[in-house]
Each structure stands twice: as structure tokens, then as C-alpha cells.
Amino acid sequence: MSCVSLIIGGVALYGFITFSKVSDDVAKRVIPRTALLNTMDVNYQKIRIQVRTLGFENLSLENRTSAINNALKYVNNYENASKELKAYVTSKEELELYNRLDRQWEDFKSVGVKAIELGKVYDADARAKLLEIFLVHCPEAAGNFQQALDEYTDSIKIELKNAVALSNDVSKEIEFIDMLLVVVMILGTGIGLTVGVTFANRMSNSIRETIDSLTKSSSVLTSNASDISKTSSELSEASQEQDAALHESSASLEEIGSMVKMTADNAMKSSQLATESYDRASKGKNIVVDMNLSMSSINTSIDTIVNELDLNNDKMKEIASLISSIDEKTQVINDIVFQTKLLSFNASVEAARAGEAGKGFAVVAEEVGKLAQMSGGAAVEITEMLSSSVTQVNNIIEDTKNRFSKVVDEARSSVTTGTDIAKECEDILESIVTSVEGVSSSVGEISSATQEQSSGINQLQTALSHVDVLSKSNTGIAQDSSLVSTQLQGQVSILNKSIGDIKGLILGVNDTKAKVVSLEKKVSSIQIPDSEDFIKKAA
């Protein structure tokens, strides 16, 4: 009987040690790894939120800098948690899961780093590339990472379920020990056996109560693990909603792109019209230059007319001078004629008085003849001079008339040419006005397109506000995850206290620690048979 009691006690102690190892593994490995995975997941979601912020339109430098710094901080937090998690990896299977998760993280990180670099540049080309990252590369990398993270988390859940199953098996073995204790009580005799059974019952009840407490704690741990999984799912759903909001933003951006293209087309048309207007204005300028030259020619013709008139005036003065000379000559002739008449009269008188003696007057008569001859010559000369003067004056008049007529014709021709050029300038200016009207119409279309752009930007702002609300929701979810982790730590404390109670009840106080260790080694060396074989041997 003592041998049976010893075996029963050994089995009980073995069950306790086994359960203690299970609870230690849950407290020291399962819970920390679960918490670290949750921390990594939360920081990963925060990184996505901060990186997406860089794709917002008209984001200030301060906000861009804040988003970049926050993203880098969350990257550092993730990698620190990843290093801590790697220290807990012991099995080959878990190492493969960790390495796969790390590879997917590096892929996702490279996409994030590229987005951050583009966010620092933040010009139109960089924002277009950011949009491509958010719509193509980021969802692909994030999906692969999330899949690897879920597989790792599922493996931890399976490990926790196995631990709970093992604790349940130990509980069943304790129930089996209770049955054996009943057999021992029936078969046992003597005070020693009674004391042994009493101690065994006491130990069995305490172990059973402690195991029940540990089992409940394990159930709570399982529930908390489910809560962590639920929290991760909520984070994933929030991310999906963010993706939807980002798609809405993308659609708005596409509309803005179409409007911008329309604006660019109108601007190009305006540029073409402006070029045509410039060409026509240049042509008009050249025509105006020609008109100015024509006007200069008119001025030259007018100057020529003035000069010709001056020449005519000079010649008219010569004519006047010639006529004055003729007048003087005529005066001389008149004087001569008068004297001739007087001499002739005197000669007649003297000849009449003298008679024979009047022969002396023959001389006078001769002189009178000479004077008459002189007068006749002067008259002929005067006649010739007058004839020459008249002819010269007529020639001057005719010549002046011809020259003046020619100059006037040239002036009229120049004026006609200037009029034609002015008419052509008017036509060109009219076409310029038409072009300007076309430019005004294009400007109106540009204004309309700008209004549509404003509407598109408002839609984009609404979508981005939705993203901001989702970001706040993710923050709340992360806080819930932190609270769940705290609860897990509390359950770990309960497990540790329960284990301490078992050790205090079965193994005694701290001064028997060495004995307990020795006893654990002995019990570990005992080979426990299967339940059915054990019952057969006990019978």
C-alpha cells in the first residue's frame, strides 16, 4: 500500500510539475510573444496611416515633416519589438514563420521608405508616384505582410490551445488519482495509511482547486488572445476602410487631372490664339511702317512743291524786274519822242522864218532824223524785248504748270497709297479684335474649369476627412489592444500566484527548496504507465 501511495504521490507531483511547466511556458513565452505581435501589428497600421498622409493634396511642410517623423518612429518601434520576438523563437517551425514575416516586413518597409522620400520632394510628379504606390504597391506589400502576420498569430493560438489541452489532460490524471485514492482508502489500514490518505486527499483537493484556477486563467488567456485577434481584425477593417477612402481620393484626383488637362488644352488654344494675334499685330506693325514711309514720301513731295513754288516766285521776280526795265526803256523812248517832236516843231518854225537862211535848220532836221531813227530802233528793241518777255513768261507759266501738275499727281498717288494702307491696317486690326474675342472665350472656359477643380478639391477634402476619422478610430483600437495586453499580464500574475500556492502546499516553505528540487528530479525519472495499465496493476 505504501508503494501504491508513493506511486500516486509521484504521479500527482509529476502532473503538478508538468502543469507548472505549461503555465510557465504560457506566462513566459506565449503571452509575451502575443503581446509583441500585437505591438508589431499596431505599429504597422500606424505606419500605413502616416505614409498615406503624405499623399494628401496641399499638405503643409509642417504636417509632412510630422508624418515622416512619426512613420520613422513607428518603424523603429516595430523593429525593436521584432528583435524582442526573435529572442523567444526556439523551434525550427517558428523560425521559418519569423523569417517569412521579416521578409514581408522588409518588402513593406522598402515601399514605405520610397513613399517617404517622395513625400520629402512633394512636387506634382512625386505626388503622382505616391498615388501609384498607394493604389498598387502598398496594398500588395501590405496584403503579403498581413498574411504572414496572421499565420504567425495563428501558430501562437494553436500553441496556446495545445497548452490548455495539456492542462486538461493533467486535470483528468488528477481525477484518476482521486479514484486511486478511494481505492487506497478502502484497502488501506492502519494509522499510517489513514494519515497518508488524508495528506493525499488534502494534496489532491488543493491541486485540483489550483488546477481549476489555472484552467480558468488559461481560459481567460484564450479569451484575451481572441480579443487580440479581434483587435487585429478591427485594425485590418479600419485599414480597408482607409483604402476605400483613399480610392475615393484617387477618383477625385483623377477628376482633377481631367480638369487640369482641360485647363491645359484651353491654355494651349489661348497660346495659339495669342501667337496668331502676335503675328497679325506684327504684320499690322509692318504695314504701319509702310504707311509711315508713304506719309514721309508725301511730305517729301510737299517739300518739293514748296521748293518749286519758291523757284517760280524767283522767276516771277525776274519777270517783274524785266518788266521794270521795259518800263524804263519806254520812258526813254517817250522822252526821245517828245524831244523829237519839239525839235521838229522848232525846225519847222525856223525854216519858215529864215527862208533862205533857214538852211541852217537842215542840221536840225538831220538831228531830228537821227532822233527819229534812234526812236525807231528803240521801238524795235522794245518790241523785241516785250515779245521775248511775253514768250519767257508764257514758258515759265507753262513749265510751272507742268511741274506743279506732276507734283500734285505724285502727291495724290502717295495719298491714295496711304489710304489703301490705312484700310488694310483697319482690316488687320479687325482680325486682331476677333482673335482677342477668341482669347476672352478661352479665358471663360478656363474659369469654368477652375470652378470644377475647386469642386473636385472639396470632394478630396471630404474623403481625406474620412481618412482622418479612421485614423482616430485606429488609435482607439490600439489603446484597446494595450488594455488587453495589460489584462493578459494580470492573468499571468494569477497563474504565478496559483503556482506558488501549489508549491507552498505540496513542497513546503522556502527552506525545503533543495529537497523539492531533488524530489522533482526523482519524480521526473519515474516512468508513468498509461492509465489503463496503471488500473490493471492497481487491481
Protein backbone atom coordinates (compact mmCIF):
# COMPACT_ATOMS: atom_id res chain seq x y z
CA MET A 1 0.00 0.00 0.00
CA SER A 2 2.82 2.33 0.81
CA CYS A 3 4.23 1.61 -2.62
CA VAL A 4 0.88 2.45 -4.19
CA SER A 5 0.68 5.68 -2.18
CA LEU A 6 4.18 6.60 -3.23
CA ILE A 7 3.31 5.99 -6.86
CA ILE A 8 0.13 8.05 -6.53
CA GLY A 9 2.07 10.88 -4.92
CA GLY A 10 4.69 10.65 -7.66
CA VAL A 11 2.04 10.82 -10.34
CA ALA A 12 0.47 13.82 -8.64
CA LEU A 13 3.81 15.54 -8.34
CA TYR A 14 4.60 14.74 -11.97
CA GLY A 15 1.25 16.22 -13.02
CA PHE A 16 1.95 19.32 -10.98
CA ILE A 17 5.41 19.73 -12.49
CA THR A 18 4.00 19.21 -15.99
CA PHE A 19 1.27 21.76 -15.45
CA SER A 20 3.76 24.14 -13.86
CA LYS A 21 5.91 23.92 -16.99
CA VAL A 22 2.87 24.54 -19.17
CA SER A 23 1.82 27.57 -17.15
CA ASP A 24 5.38 28.89 -17.13
CA ASP A 25 5.55 28.47 -20.89
CA VAL A 26 2.26 30.35 -21.29
CA ALA A 27 3.34 33.11 -18.93
CA LYS A 28 6.92 33.47 -20.11
CA ARG A 29 6.66 32.69 -23.83
CA VAL A 30 3.11 32.63 -25.21
CA ILE A 31 1.82 35.83 -23.64
CA PRO A 32 4.97 37.93 -24.35
CA ARG A 33 5.03 36.76 -27.97
CA THR A 34 1.33 37.53 -28.36
CA ALA A 35 1.84 41.00 -26.89
CA LEU A 36 4.87 41.63 -29.14
CA LEU A 37 2.97 40.53 -32.24
CA ASN A 38 0.13 42.84 -31.25
CA THR A 39 2.63 45.71 -30.79
CA MET A 40 4.14 44.99 -34.19
CA ASP A 41 0.67 44.92 -35.79
CA VAL A 42 -0.36 48.23 -34.19
CA ASN A 43 2.85 49.98 -35.27
CA TYR A 44 2.47 48.54 -38.78
CA GLN A 45 -1.04 50.02 -39.02
CA LYS A 46 0.20 53.38 -37.72
CA ILE A 47 2.97 53.39 -40.33
CA ARG A 48 0.40 52.90 -43.10
CA ILE A 49 -1.68 55.79 -41.75
CA GLN A 50 1.29 58.18 -41.57
CA VAL A 51 2.58 57.21 -45.02
CA ARG A 52 -0.87 57.68 -46.56
CA THR A 53 -0.98 61.16 -45.07
CA LEU A 54 1.86 62.11 -47.44
CA GLY A 55 -0.48 61.65 -50.40
CA PHE A 56 -2.84 64.43 -49.27
CA GLU A 57 -3.19 67.41 -51.62
CA ASN A 58 -1.78 70.78 -50.45
CA LEU A 59 -0.19 69.24 -47.33
CA SER A 60 1.88 71.80 -45.41
CA LEU A 61 5.59 71.30 -44.79
CA GLU A 62 4.96 71.03 -41.05
CA ASN A 63 2.38 68.26 -41.48
CA ARG A 64 4.61 66.41 -43.97
CA THR A 65 7.56 66.59 -41.57
CA SER A 66 5.38 65.36 -38.69
CA ALA A 67 4.03 62.43 -40.75
CA ILE A 68 7.55 61.42 -41.85
CA ASN A 69 8.96 61.61 -38.30
CA ASN A 70 6.02 59.63 -36.88
CA ALA A 71 6.39 56.97 -39.57
CA LEU A 72 10.11 56.59 -38.81
CA LYS A 73 9.34 56.37 -35.09
CA TYR A 74 6.77 53.59 -35.64
CA VAL A 75 9.25 51.76 -37.88
CA ASN A 76 11.77 51.87 -35.04
CA ASN A 77 9.14 50.63 -32.55
CA TYR A 78 8.23 47.75 -34.85
CA GLU A 79 11.83 46.66 -35.36
CA ASN A 80 12.55 46.81 -31.61
CA ALA A 81 9.53 44.58 -30.95
CA SER A 82 10.66 42.27 -33.77
CA LYS A 83 14.10 41.89 -32.17
CA GLU A 84 12.50 41.03 -28.82
CA LEU A 85 10.23 38.49 -30.53
CA LYS A 86 13.19 36.78 -32.20
CA ALA A 87 14.71 36.12 -28.75
CA TYR A 88 11.67 33.94 -27.92
CA VAL A 89 11.96 31.82 -31.09
CA THR A 90 13.21 28.29 -30.28
CA SER A 91 11.65 25.89 -32.77
CA LYS A 92 12.56 25.48 -36.42
CA GLU A 93 8.93 25.88 -37.50
CA GLU A 94 8.52 29.16 -35.64
CA LEU A 95 11.86 30.41 -37.04
CA GLU A 96 10.52 29.84 -40.56
CA LEU A 97 7.38 31.83 -39.69
CA TYR A 98 9.51 34.61 -38.21
CA ASN A 99 11.82 34.75 -41.25
CA ARG A 100 8.86 34.89 -43.64
CA LEU A 101 7.29 37.69 -41.60
CA ASP A 102 10.62 39.54 -41.57
CA ARG A 103 10.96 39.25 -45.37
CA GLN A 104 7.45 40.61 -45.90
CA TRP A 105 8.25 43.41 -43.47
CA GLU A 106 11.36 44.37 -45.44
CA ASP A 107 9.27 44.50 -48.64
CA PHE A 108 6.64 46.66 -46.99
CA LYS A 109 9.34 48.83 -45.40
CA SER A 110 11.02 49.45 -48.78
CA VAL A 111 7.69 50.67 -50.19
CA GLY A 112 7.24 52.94 -47.16
CA VAL A 113 10.78 54.34 -47.44
CA LYS A 114 10.21 55.13 -51.12
CA ALA A 115 6.96 56.90 -50.22
CA ILE A 116 8.75 58.91 -47.52
CA GLU A 117 11.45 60.00 -49.99
CA LEU A 118 8.76 61.13 -52.45
CA GLY A 119 6.97 62.90 -49.59
CA LYS A 120 10.11 64.95 -48.95
CA VAL A 121 10.14 66.11 -52.58
CA TYR A 122 6.33 66.60 -52.80
CA ASP A 123 6.10 68.06 -56.28
CA ALA A 124 3.45 67.13 -58.84
CA ASP A 125 5.48 64.22 -60.21
CA ALA A 126 6.21 62.93 -56.69
CA ARG A 127 2.51 63.07 -55.74
CA ALA A 128 1.61 61.13 -58.88
CA LYS A 129 4.14 58.43 -57.95
CA LEU A 130 2.78 58.41 -54.37
CA LEU A 131 -0.69 57.79 -55.74
CA GLU A 132 0.63 54.84 -57.75
CA ILE A 133 2.29 53.44 -54.60
CA PHE A 134 -0.94 53.77 -52.57
CA LEU A 135 -3.06 52.13 -55.28
CA VAL A 136 -0.70 49.35 -56.44
CA HIS A 137 2.49 48.66 -54.50
CA CYS A 138 1.37 49.39 -50.93
CA PRO A 139 -1.80 47.21 -50.96
CA GLU A 140 0.21 44.31 -52.42
CA ALA A 141 3.04 44.56 -49.88
CA ALA A 142 0.59 45.16 -47.01
CA GLY A 143 -1.50 42.14 -48.01
CA ASN A 144 1.53 39.83 -48.04
CA PHE A 145 2.72 41.18 -44.69
CA GLN A 146 -0.73 40.83 -43.10
CA GLN A 147 -0.96 37.23 -44.33
CA ALA A 148 2.42 36.37 -42.80
CA LEU A 149 1.46 38.10 -39.54
CA ASP A 150 -1.86 36.23 -39.37
CA GLU A 151 -0.08 32.89 -39.91
CA TYR A 152 2.35 33.69 -37.10
CA THR A 153 -0.51 34.73 -34.79
CA ASP A 154 -2.47 31.59 -35.66
CA SER A 155 0.53 29.44 -34.71
CA ILE A 156 0.65 31.15 -31.30
CA LYS A 157 -3.09 30.50 -30.87
CA ILE A 158 -2.56 26.83 -31.70
CA GLU A 159 0.29 26.65 -29.18
CA LEU A 160 -1.97 28.21 -26.54
CA LYS A 161 -4.77 25.76 -27.34
CA ASN A 162 -2.33 22.85 -27.02
CA ALA A 163 -1.23 24.17 -23.63
CA VAL A 164 -4.85 24.36 -22.48
CA ALA A 165 -5.46 20.84 -23.79
CA LEU A 166 -2.39 19.60 -21.90
CA SER A 167 -3.62 21.22 -18.70
CA ASN A 168 -6.98 19.50 -19.20
CA ASP A 169 -5.15 16.17 -19.59
CA VAL A 170 -3.34 16.80 -16.33
CA SER A 171 -6.68 17.57 -14.69
CA LYS A 172 -8.01 14.23 -15.92
CA GLU A 173 -4.97 12.49 -14.45
CA ILE A 174 -5.71 14.18 -11.15
CA GLU A 175 -9.25 12.81 -11.30
CA PHE A 176 -7.75 9.41 -11.96
CA ILE A 177 -5.56 9.89 -8.90
CA ASP A 178 -8.70 10.65 -6.88
CA MET A 179 -10.11 7.32 -7.94
CA LEU A 180 -6.92 5.60 -6.88
CA LEU A 181 -7.05 7.38 -3.55
CA VAL A 182 -10.54 5.99 -3.00
CA VAL A 183 -9.21 2.50 -3.69
CA VAL A 184 -6.34 3.10 -1.28
CA MET A 185 -8.76 4.35 1.40
CA ILE A 186 -10.87 1.21 1.04
CA LEU A 187 -7.90 -1.15 1.05
CA GLY A 188 -5.67 0.86 3.41
CA THR A 189 -5.47 0.02 7.08
CA GLY A 190 -3.59 1.48 9.92
CA ILE A 191 -2.91 4.92 11.14
CA GLY A 192 -0.03 5.48 8.74
CA LEU A 193 -2.21 4.64 5.76
CA THR A 194 -5.00 6.86 7.08
CA VAL A 195 -2.58 9.75 7.56
CA GLY A 196 -1.15 9.15 4.08
CA VAL A 197 -4.60 9.10 2.53
CA THR A 198 -5.61 12.21 4.44
CA PHE A 199 -2.49 14.02 3.24
CA ALA A 200 -3.04 12.71 -0.26
CA ASN A 201 -6.68 13.89 -0.21
CA ARG A 202 -5.61 17.26 1.08
CA MET A 203 -2.92 17.49 -1.57
CA SER A 204 -5.29 16.23 -4.25
CA ASN A 205 -8.01 18.72 -3.34
CA SER A 206 -5.55 21.59 -3.23
CA ILE A 207 -4.04 20.55 -6.52
CA ARG A 208 -7.49 20.19 -8.06
CA GLU A 209 -8.56 23.62 -6.83
CA THR A 210 -5.32 25.15 -8.04
CA ILE A 211 -5.64 23.40 -11.38
CA ASP A 212 -9.21 24.66 -11.69
CA SER A 213 -7.93 28.16 -11.03
CA LEU A 214 -5.16 27.71 -13.57
CA THR A 215 -7.63 26.27 -16.06
CA LYS A 216 -9.87 29.30 -15.63
CA SER A 217 -6.84 31.55 -16.08
CA SER A 218 -5.94 29.64 -19.20
CA SER A 219 -9.48 30.14 -20.48
CA VAL A 220 -9.17 33.84 -19.75
CA LEU A 221 -5.84 33.86 -21.59
CA THR A 222 -7.52 32.17 -24.52
CA SER A 223 -10.31 34.73 -24.43
CA ASN A 224 -7.77 37.54 -24.28
CA ALA A 225 -5.90 36.03 -27.19
CA SER A 226 -9.18 36.02 -29.10
CA ASP A 227 -9.66 39.66 -28.13
CA ILE A 228 -6.21 40.43 -29.51
CA SER A 229 -7.14 38.65 -32.71
CA LYS A 230 -10.40 40.59 -32.83
CA THR A 231 -8.49 43.82 -32.27
CA SER A 232 -6.17 42.95 -35.13
CA SER A 233 -9.18 42.24 -37.32
CA GLU A 234 -10.67 45.60 -36.40
CA LEU A 235 -7.38 47.25 -37.29
CA SER A 236 -7.43 45.41 -40.59
CA GLU A 237 -11.03 46.50 -41.27
CA ALA A 238 -10.11 50.09 -40.44
CA SER A 239 -7.22 49.83 -42.87
CA GLN A 240 -9.58 48.51 -45.54
CA GLU A 241 -11.89 51.44 -44.93
CA GLN A 242 -8.89 53.70 -45.25
CA ASP A 243 -8.09 52.04 -48.56
CA ALA A 244 -11.66 52.74 -49.71
CA ALA A 245 -11.32 56.37 -48.65
CA LEU A 246 -8.02 56.53 -50.47
CA HIS A 247 -9.70 55.15 -53.58
CA GLU A 248 -12.28 57.91 -53.29
CA SER A 249 -9.44 60.40 -53.02
CA SER A 250 -7.86 58.81 -56.06
CA ALA A 251 -11.10 59.19 -58.02
CA SER A 252 -11.27 62.84 -57.05
CA LEU A 253 -7.67 63.27 -58.08
CA GLU A 254 -8.47 61.69 -61.45
CA GLU A 255 -11.30 64.17 -61.92
CA ILE A 256 -8.94 66.98 -61.02
CA GLY A 257 -6.45 65.56 -63.52
CA SER A 258 -9.10 65.66 -66.26
CA MET A 259 -9.99 69.22 -65.35
CA VAL A 260 -6.34 70.19 -65.30
CA LYS A 261 -5.95 68.63 -68.76
CA MET A 262 -8.92 70.63 -69.98
CA THR A 263 -7.35 73.75 -68.50
CA ALA A 264 -4.07 72.92 -70.20
CA ASP A 265 -5.83 72.42 -73.54
CA ASN A 266 -7.60 75.74 -73.22
CA ALA A 267 -4.35 77.38 -72.22
CA MET A 268 -2.73 75.89 -75.33
CA LYS A 269 -5.53 77.23 -77.51
CA SER A 270 -5.13 80.61 -75.83
CA SER A 271 -1.43 80.44 -76.54
CA GLN A 272 -2.07 79.65 -80.19
CA LEU A 273 -4.54 82.49 -80.48
CA ALA A 274 -2.07 84.79 -78.78
CA THR A 275 0.58 83.70 -81.27
CA GLU A 276 -1.75 84.39 -84.17
CA SER A 277 -2.61 87.75 -82.66
CA TYR A 278 1.08 88.49 -82.31
CA ASP A 279 1.73 87.57 -85.95
CA ARG A 280 -1.14 89.70 -87.12
CA ALA A 281 -0.06 92.55 -84.90
CA SER A 282 3.45 92.24 -86.35
CA LYS A 283 2.02 92.35 -89.85
CA GLY A 284 -0.02 95.38 -88.88
CA LYS A 285 3.13 96.95 -87.50
CA ASN A 286 4.93 96.41 -90.79
CA ILE A 287 2.03 97.88 -92.69
CA VAL A 288 2.00 100.87 -90.38
CA VAL A 289 5.73 101.25 -91.07
CA ASP A 290 4.99 101.21 -94.79
CA MET A 291 2.26 103.75 -94.24
CA ASN A 292 4.69 105.95 -92.37
CA LEU A 293 7.14 105.68 -95.25
CA SER A 294 4.36 106.61 -97.63
CA MET A 295 3.46 109.57 -95.49
CA SER A 296 7.13 110.55 -95.46
CA SER A 297 7.06 110.39 -99.24
CA ILE A 298 4.03 112.66 -99.21
CA ASN A 299 5.90 115.07 -97.01
CA THR A 300 8.84 114.95 -99.41
CA SER A 301 6.50 115.68 -102.32
CA ILE A 302 5.03 118.57 -100.43
CA ASP A 303 8.52 119.90 -99.76
CA THR A 304 9.26 119.57 -103.46
CA ILE A 305 6.12 121.54 -104.27
CA VAL A 306 7.17 124.23 -101.85
CA ASN A 307 10.61 124.39 -103.44
CA GLU A 308 9.12 124.60 -106.91
CA LEU A 309 6.85 127.36 -105.79
CA ASP A 310 9.86 129.19 -104.42
CA LEU A 311 11.60 128.84 -107.77
CA ASN A 312 8.51 130.13 -109.52
CA ASN A 313 8.45 133.08 -107.20
CA ASP A 314 12.07 133.82 -108.04
CA LYS A 315 11.33 133.67 -111.75
CA MET A 316 8.32 135.84 -111.29
CA LYS A 317 10.60 138.34 -109.62
CA GLU A 318 12.89 138.18 -112.62
CA ILE A 319 9.89 138.84 -114.84
CA ALA A 320 8.92 141.78 -112.68
CA SER A 321 12.47 143.11 -112.92
CA LEU A 322 12.39 142.67 -116.71
CA ILE A 323 9.11 144.47 -116.97
CA SER A 324 10.56 147.29 -114.89
CA SER A 325 13.44 147.54 -117.33
CA ILE A 326 10.94 147.65 -120.18
CA ASP A 327 9.12 150.40 -118.43
CA GLU A 328 12.32 152.39 -118.07
CA LYS A 329 13.09 151.86 -121.73
CA THR A 330 9.64 153.01 -122.60
CA GLN A 331 10.18 156.20 -120.58
CA VAL A 332 13.34 156.92 -122.51
CA ILE A 333 11.54 156.39 -125.76
CA ASN A 334 8.79 158.68 -124.69
CA ASP A 335 11.29 161.39 -123.81
CA ILE A 336 13.03 160.97 -127.11
CA VAL A 337 9.78 161.13 -128.98
CA PHE A 338 8.82 164.26 -127.16
CA GLN A 339 12.15 165.92 -127.86
CA THR A 340 11.92 164.81 -131.43
CA LYS A 341 8.55 166.35 -131.76
CA LEU A 342 9.81 169.53 -130.15
CA LEU A 343 12.83 169.73 -132.40
CA SER A 344 10.74 169.04 -135.39
CA PHE A 345 8.41 171.80 -134.45
CA ASN A 346 11.23 174.24 -133.83
CA ALA A 347 12.80 173.28 -137.12
CA SER A 348 9.62 173.96 -138.91
CA VAL A 349 9.28 177.33 -137.32
CA GLU A 350 12.85 178.34 -138.01
CA ALA A 351 12.71 177.14 -141.55
CA ALA A 352 9.66 179.18 -142.13
CA ARG A 353 11.19 182.36 -140.74
CA ALA A 354 14.53 182.14 -142.29
CA GLY A 355 13.58 181.15 -145.65
CA GLU A 356 16.82 181.02 -147.47
CA ALA A 357 18.58 181.43 -144.33
CA GLY A 358 16.71 178.50 -142.89
CA LYS A 359 19.06 176.17 -144.34
CA GLY A 360 20.80 176.06 -141.08
CA PHE A 361 17.93 174.31 -139.78
CA ALA A 362 18.78 171.50 -142.08
CA VAL A 363 21.16 170.38 -139.45
CA VAL A 364 18.34 170.37 -137.01
CA ALA A 365 16.28 168.37 -139.33
CA GLU A 366 19.12 165.96 -139.71
CA GLU A 367 19.36 165.62 -135.97
CA VAL A 368 15.69 165.14 -135.84
CA GLY A 369 16.03 162.37 -138.34
CA LYS A 370 18.68 160.78 -136.27
CA LEU A 371 16.50 161.04 -133.25
CA ALA A 372 13.67 159.53 -135.18
CA GLN A 373 15.96 156.76 -136.27
CA MET A 374 17.01 156.21 -132.70
CA SER A 375 13.42 156.23 -131.64
CA GLY A 376 12.56 153.66 -134.24
CA GLY A 377 15.42 151.46 -133.18
CA ALA A 378 14.38 151.79 -129.59
CA ALA A 379 10.85 150.94 -130.53
CA VAL A 380 12.01 147.85 -132.37
CA GLU A 381 14.17 146.90 -129.43
CA ILE A 382 11.31 147.42 -127.07
CA THR A 383 9.07 145.35 -129.24
CA GLU A 384 11.56 142.53 -129.28
CA MET A 385 12.06 142.77 -125.57
CA LEU A 386 8.35 142.70 -124.93
CA SER A 387 7.93 139.80 -127.28
CA SER A 388 10.76 137.97 -125.58
CA SER A 389 9.31 138.78 -122.18
CA VAL A 390 5.90 137.53 -123.09
CA THR A 391 7.35 134.36 -124.52
CA GLN A 392 9.54 133.83 -121.46
CA VAL A 393 6.65 134.45 -119.11
CA ASN A 394 4.46 132.04 -121.01
CA ASN A 395 7.17 129.42 -120.92
CA ILE A 396 7.61 129.92 -117.21
CA ILE A 397 3.90 129.62 -116.63
CA GLU A 398 3.65 126.50 -118.76
CA ASP A 399 6.68 124.94 -117.14
CA THR A 400 5.38 125.75 -113.68
CA LYS A 401 2.01 124.32 -114.55
CA ASN A 402 3.51 121.09 -115.78
CA ARG A 403 5.80 120.69 -112.79
CA PHE A 404 3.07 121.53 -110.32
CA SER A 405 0.69 119.12 -112.03
CA LYS A 406 3.29 116.37 -111.84
CA VAL A 407 3.99 117.05 -108.19
CA VAL A 408 0.29 117.09 -107.40
CA ASP A 409 -0.19 113.79 -109.21
CA GLU A 410 2.64 112.25 -107.21
CA ALA A 411 1.18 113.62 -104.01
CA ARG A 412 -2.25 112.25 -104.91
CA SER A 413 -0.72 108.88 -105.69
CA SER A 414 1.04 108.86 -102.33
CA VAL A 415 -2.16 109.84 -100.56
CA THR A 416 -4.06 107.10 -102.37
CA THR A 417 -1.43 104.57 -101.36
CA GLY A 418 -1.61 105.79 -97.76
CA THR A 419 -5.38 105.44 -97.83
CA ASP A 420 -5.14 101.87 -99.10
CA ILE A 421 -2.59 101.00 -96.44
CA ALA A 422 -4.78 102.57 -93.76
CA LYS A 423 -7.70 100.43 -94.97
CA GLU A 424 -5.52 97.33 -94.78
CA CYS A 425 -4.48 98.33 -91.25
CA GLU A 426 -8.13 98.61 -90.34
CA ASP A 427 -8.79 95.09 -91.64
CA ILE A 428 -5.82 93.71 -89.71
CA LEU A 429 -6.93 95.43 -86.53
CA GLU A 430 -10.40 93.99 -87.02
CA SER A 431 -8.95 90.48 -87.22
CA ILE A 432 -6.91 91.20 -84.07
CA VAL A 433 -10.12 92.16 -82.28
CA THR A 434 -11.67 88.87 -83.41
CA SER A 435 -8.67 86.97 -82.03
CA VAL A 436 -8.93 88.83 -78.76
CA GLU A 437 -12.58 87.80 -78.54
CA GLY A 438 -11.47 84.19 -79.02
CA VAL A 439 -8.93 84.61 -76.22
CA SER A 440 -11.64 86.01 -73.98
CA SER A 441 -13.83 82.98 -74.72
CA SER A 442 -10.96 80.63 -73.86
CA VAL A 443 -10.37 82.50 -70.64
CA GLY A 444 -14.03 81.97 -69.79
CA GLU A 445 -13.65 78.23 -70.34
CA ILE A 446 -10.53 78.25 -68.16
CA SER A 447 -12.51 79.98 -65.42
CA SER A 448 -15.26 77.35 -65.65
CA ALA A 449 -12.69 74.56 -65.47
CA THR A 450 -11.15 76.22 -62.43
CA GLN A 451 -14.51 76.17 -60.68
CA GLU A 452 -14.84 72.46 -61.42
CA GLN A 453 -11.35 71.99 -60.00
CA SER A 454 -12.48 73.72 -56.82
CA SER A 455 -15.43 71.33 -56.56
CA GLY A 456 -13.12 68.34 -57.06
CA ILE A 457 -10.79 69.62 -54.36
CA ASN A 458 -13.75 69.89 -51.96
CA GLN A 459 -14.61 66.25 -52.62
CA LEU A 460 -10.99 65.33 -51.99
CA GLN A 461 -11.03 67.19 -48.69
CA THR A 462 -14.19 65.31 -47.65
CA ALA A 463 -12.53 61.97 -48.44
CA LEU A 464 -9.42 62.97 -46.54
CA SER A 465 -11.54 63.98 -43.54
CA HIS A 466 -12.95 60.46 -43.58
CA VAL A 467 -9.39 59.12 -43.56
CA ASP A 468 -8.66 61.31 -40.54
CA VAL A 469 -11.67 59.88 -38.67
CA LEU A 470 -10.49 56.35 -39.45
CA SER A 471 -7.04 57.27 -38.17
CA LYS A 472 -8.56 58.30 -34.85
CA SER A 473 -10.50 55.04 -34.79
CA ASN A 474 -7.26 53.09 -35.29
CA THR A 475 -5.76 54.97 -32.36
CA GLY A 476 -8.67 53.88 -30.14
CA ILE A 477 -8.30 50.30 -31.32
CA ALA A 478 -4.60 50.40 -30.50
CA GLN A 479 -5.47 51.60 -26.99
CA ASP A 480 -7.88 48.68 -26.61
CA SER A 481 -5.08 46.34 -27.67
CA SER A 482 -2.86 47.82 -24.99
CA LEU A 483 -5.60 47.27 -22.39
CA VAL A 484 -5.98 43.65 -23.47
CA SER A 485 -2.23 43.18 -23.10
CA THR A 486 -2.44 44.58 -19.56
CA GLN A 487 -5.20 42.12 -18.74
CA LEU A 488 -3.03 39.30 -20.03
CA GLN A 489 -0.25 40.37 -17.67
CA GLY A 490 -2.76 40.33 -14.80
CA GLN A 491 -3.75 36.79 -15.67
CA VAL A 492 -0.09 35.85 -15.72
CA SER A 493 0.21 37.16 -12.16
CA ILE A 494 -2.74 35.00 -11.14
CA LEU A 495 -1.07 31.97 -12.71
CA ASN A 496 2.17 32.67 -10.89
CA LYS A 497 0.34 33.05 -7.56
CA SER A 498 -1.53 29.80 -8.11
CA ILE A 499 1.72 28.02 -8.90
CA GLY A 500 3.20 29.48 -5.73
CA ASP A 501 0.24 28.21 -3.73
CA ILE A 502 0.77 24.71 -5.11
CA LYS A 503 4.46 24.77 -4.28
CA GLY A 504 3.76 26.07 -0.78
CA LEU A 505 1.12 23.44 -0.17
CA ILE A 506 2.93 20.41 -1.54
CA LEU A 507 6.63 21.20 -1.18
CA GLY A 508 6.60 23.28 1.96
CA VAL A 509 8.33 26.60 2.67
CA ASN A 510 11.47 28.05 1.11
CA ASP A 511 13.90 26.16 3.39
CA THR A 512 12.84 22.86 1.77
CA LYS A 513 13.56 24.16 -1.71
CA ALA A 514 16.60 21.92 -2.15
CA LYS A 515 14.54 18.89 -1.16
CA VAL A 516 11.83 19.85 -3.59
CA VAL A 517 14.33 20.09 -6.42
CA SER A 518 15.69 16.68 -5.51
CA LEU A 519 12.17 15.27 -5.35
CA GLU A 520 11.32 16.75 -8.75
CA LYS A 521 14.38 15.05 -10.24
CA LYS A 522 13.37 11.71 -8.74
CA VAL A 523 9.79 12.05 -9.92
CA SER A 524 10.99 13.01 -13.38
CA SER A 525 12.98 9.77 -13.51
CA ILE A 526 9.88 7.71 -12.70
CA GLN A 527 8.22 6.20 -15.77
CA ILE A 528 4.46 6.64 -15.51
CA PRO A 529 2.41 3.92 -17.23
CA ASP A 530 -0.73 4.54 -19.23
CA SER A 531 -3.99 4.96 -17.32
CA GLU A 532 -5.43 1.55 -18.32
CA ASP A 533 -2.20 -0.31 -17.44
CA PHE A 534 -2.00 1.55 -14.14
CA ILE A 535 -5.57 0.50 -13.20
CA LYS A 536 -4.83 -3.13 -14.06
CA LYS A 537 -1.70 -3.15 -11.86
CA ALA A 538 -3.52 -1.42 -9.00
CA ALA A 539 -6.23 -4.06 -9.16
